[in-house]
């Protein structure tokens, strides 16, 4: 049965469930990183003697790496299906 709004088939096959579970796990780990790392990063920065500039650079690198590797991981997910 196809959903009228999204056009997605509601009958998921076992292979599709496995692929979706890997996708959801990947997104969960990504969001967990933002939820855990970013809130405690200012404390680590202060303890290790970093400046505000250091904190900004670390946040920028973290986001840049996500920007760089998201398409690579997406392409690999499509290849491995």
C-alpha atoms as a PDB file:
ATOM      1  CA  UNK A   1       0.000   0.000   0.000  1.00  0.00           C
ATOM      2  CA  UNK A   2       1.457   3.361  -1.022  1.00  0.00           C
ATOM      3  CA  UNK A   3       1.174   6.460   1.127  1.00  0.00           C
ATOM      4  CA  UNK A   4      -0.665   9.234  -0.711  1.00  0.00           C
ATOM      5  CA  UNK A   5       1.440  12.046   0.743  1.00  0.00           C
ATOM      6  CA  UNK A   6       4.982  10.688   0.566  1.00  0.00           C
ATOM      7  CA  UNK A   7       4.556   8.087  -2.177  1.00  0.00           C
ATOM      8  CA  UNK A   8       6.445   5.561  -0.046  1.00  0.00           C
ATOM      9  CA  UNK A   9       5.439   1.946   0.035  1.00  0.00           C
ATOM     10  CA  UNK A  10       4.209   1.158   3.558  1.00  0.00           C
ATOM     11  CA  UNK A  11       4.995  -2.555   3.258  1.00  0.00           C
ATOM     12  CA  UNK A  12       8.629  -2.650   4.325  1.00  0.00           C
ATOM     13  CA  UNK A  13      10.621  -5.722   3.414  1.00  0.00           C
ATOM     14  CA  UNK A  14      13.164  -7.170   5.864  1.00  0.00           C
ATOM     15  CA  UNK A  15      16.066  -5.811   3.786  1.00  0.00           C
ATOM     16  CA  UNK A  16      14.556  -2.342   3.887  1.00  0.00           C
ATOM     17  CA  UNK A  17      14.141  -2.553   7.639  1.00  0.00           C
ATOM     18  CA  UNK A  18      17.810  -3.402   8.039  1.00  0.00           C
ATOM     19  CA  UNK A  19      18.835  -0.480   5.839  1.00  0.00           C
ATOM     20  CA  UNK A  20      16.540   1.860   7.753  1.00  0.00           C
ATOM     21  CA  UNK A  21      17.882   0.651  11.079  1.00  0.00           C
ATOM     22  CA  UNK A  22      21.455   1.384   9.939  1.00  0.00           C
ATOM     23  CA  UNK A  23      20.363   4.820   8.749  1.00  0.00           C
ATOM     24  CA  UNK A  24      18.584   5.591  12.012  1.00  0.00           C
ATOM     25  CA  UNK A  25      21.600   4.382  13.999  1.00  0.00           C
ATOM     26  CA  UNK A  26      23.878   6.655  11.997  1.00  0.00           C
ATOM     27  CA  UNK A  27      21.624   9.680  12.544  1.00  0.00           C
ATOM     28  CA  UNK A  28      21.289   8.821  16.236  1.00  0.00           C
ATOM     29  CA  UNK A  29      25.071   8.691  16.685  1.00  0.00           C
ATOM     30  CA  UNK A  30      25.420  11.987  14.825  1.00  0.00           C
ATOM     31  CA  UNK A  31      22.833  13.723  16.993  1.00  0.00           C
ATOM     32  CA  UNK A  32      24.249  12.107  20.108  1.00  0.00           C
ATOM     33  CA  UNK A  33      27.584  13.690  19.224  1.00  0.00           C
ATOM     34  CA  UNK A  34      25.963  17.094  19.040  1.00  0.00           C
ATOM     35  CA  UNK A  35      23.995  16.449  22.228  1.00  0.00           C
ATOM     36  CA  UNK A  36      26.969  15.287  24.291  1.00  0.00           C
ATOM     37  CA  UNK A  37      30.107  16.839  22.804  1.00  0.00           C
ATOM     38  CA  UNK A  38      28.961  20.399  22.215  1.00  0.00           C
ATOM     39  CA  UNK A  39      27.430  21.031  25.672  1.00  0.00           C
ATOM     40  CA  UNK A  40      30.568  19.840  27.523  1.00  0.00           C
ATOM     41  CA  UNK A  41      33.089  21.292  25.077  1.00  0.00           C
ATOM     42  CA  UNK A  42      33.280  24.696  26.829  1.00  0.00           C
ATOM     43  CA  UNK A  43      34.242  22.963  30.085  1.00  0.00           C
ATOM     44  CA  UNK A  44      36.930  20.878  28.385  1.00  0.00           C
ATOM     45  CA  UNK A  45      38.184  23.996  26.651  1.00  0.00           C
ATOM     46  CA  UNK A  46      38.417  25.840  29.970  1.00  0.00           C
ATOM     47  CA  UNK A  47      40.119  22.950  31.782  1.00  0.00           C
ATOM     48  CA  UNK A  48      42.679  22.516  28.999  1.00  0.00           C
ATOM     49  CA  UNK A  49      43.409  26.246  28.921  1.00  0.00           C
ATOM     50  CA  UNK A  50      41.850  27.013  25.569  1.00  0.00           C
ATOM     51  CA  UNK A  51      40.617  30.411  24.470  1.00  0.00           C
ATOM     52  CA  UNK A  52      37.319  31.441  22.947  1.00  0.00           C
ATOM     53  CA  UNK A  53      39.029  31.298  19.551  1.00  0.00           C
ATOM     54  CA  UNK A  54      40.076  27.681  20.218  1.00  0.00           C
ATOM     55  CA  UNK A  55      36.498  26.802  21.108  1.00  0.00           C
ATOM     56  CA  UNK A  56      35.270  28.363  17.870  1.00  0.00           C
ATOM     57  CA  UNK A  57      37.870  26.533  15.811  1.00  0.00           C
ATOM     58  CA  UNK A  58      36.964  23.185  17.376  1.00  0.00           C
ATOM     59  CA  UNK A  59      33.253  23.738  16.704  1.00  0.00           C
ATOM     60  CA  UNK A  60      34.008  24.789  13.153  1.00  0.00           C
ATOM     61  CA  UNK A  61      36.156  21.725  12.482  1.00  0.00           C
ATOM     62  CA  UNK A  62      33.486  19.438  13.953  1.00  0.00           C
ATOM     63  CA  UNK A  63      30.834  20.901  11.665  1.00  0.00           C
ATOM     64  CA  UNK A  64      33.182  20.981   8.671  1.00  0.00           C
ATOM     65  CA  UNK A  65      33.981  17.283   9.037  1.00  0.00           C
ATOM     66  CA  UNK A  66      30.272  16.484   9.114  1.00  0.00           C
ATOM     67  CA  UNK A  67      29.801  18.560   5.985  1.00  0.00           C
ATOM     68  CA  UNK A  68      32.672  16.784   4.226  1.00  0.00           C
ATOM     69  CA  UNK A  69      31.875  13.223   5.238  1.00  0.00           C
ATOM     70  CA  UNK A  70      28.058  13.247   5.030  1.00  0.00           C
ATOM     71  CA  UNK A  71      28.044  12.910   1.200  1.00  0.00           C
ATOM     72  CA  UNK A  72      30.696  10.189   1.368  1.00  0.00           C
ATOM     73  CA  UNK A  73      28.707   8.203   3.904  1.00  0.00           C
ATOM     74  CA  UNK A  74      25.539   8.781   1.895  1.00  0.00           C
ATOM     75  CA  UNK A  75      27.170   7.507  -1.288  1.00  0.00           C
ATOM     76  CA  UNK A  76      28.478   4.435   0.534  1.00  0.00           C
ATOM     77  CA  UNK A  77      25.038   3.791   1.973  1.00  0.00           C
ATOM     78  CA  UNK A  78      23.591   3.895  -1.522  1.00  0.00           C
ATOM     79  CA  UNK A  79      26.271   1.556  -2.873  1.00  0.00           C
ATOM     80  CA  UNK A  80      25.888  -0.995  -0.100  1.00  0.00           C
ATOM     81  CA  UNK A  81      22.093  -0.700   0.019  1.00  0.00           C
END
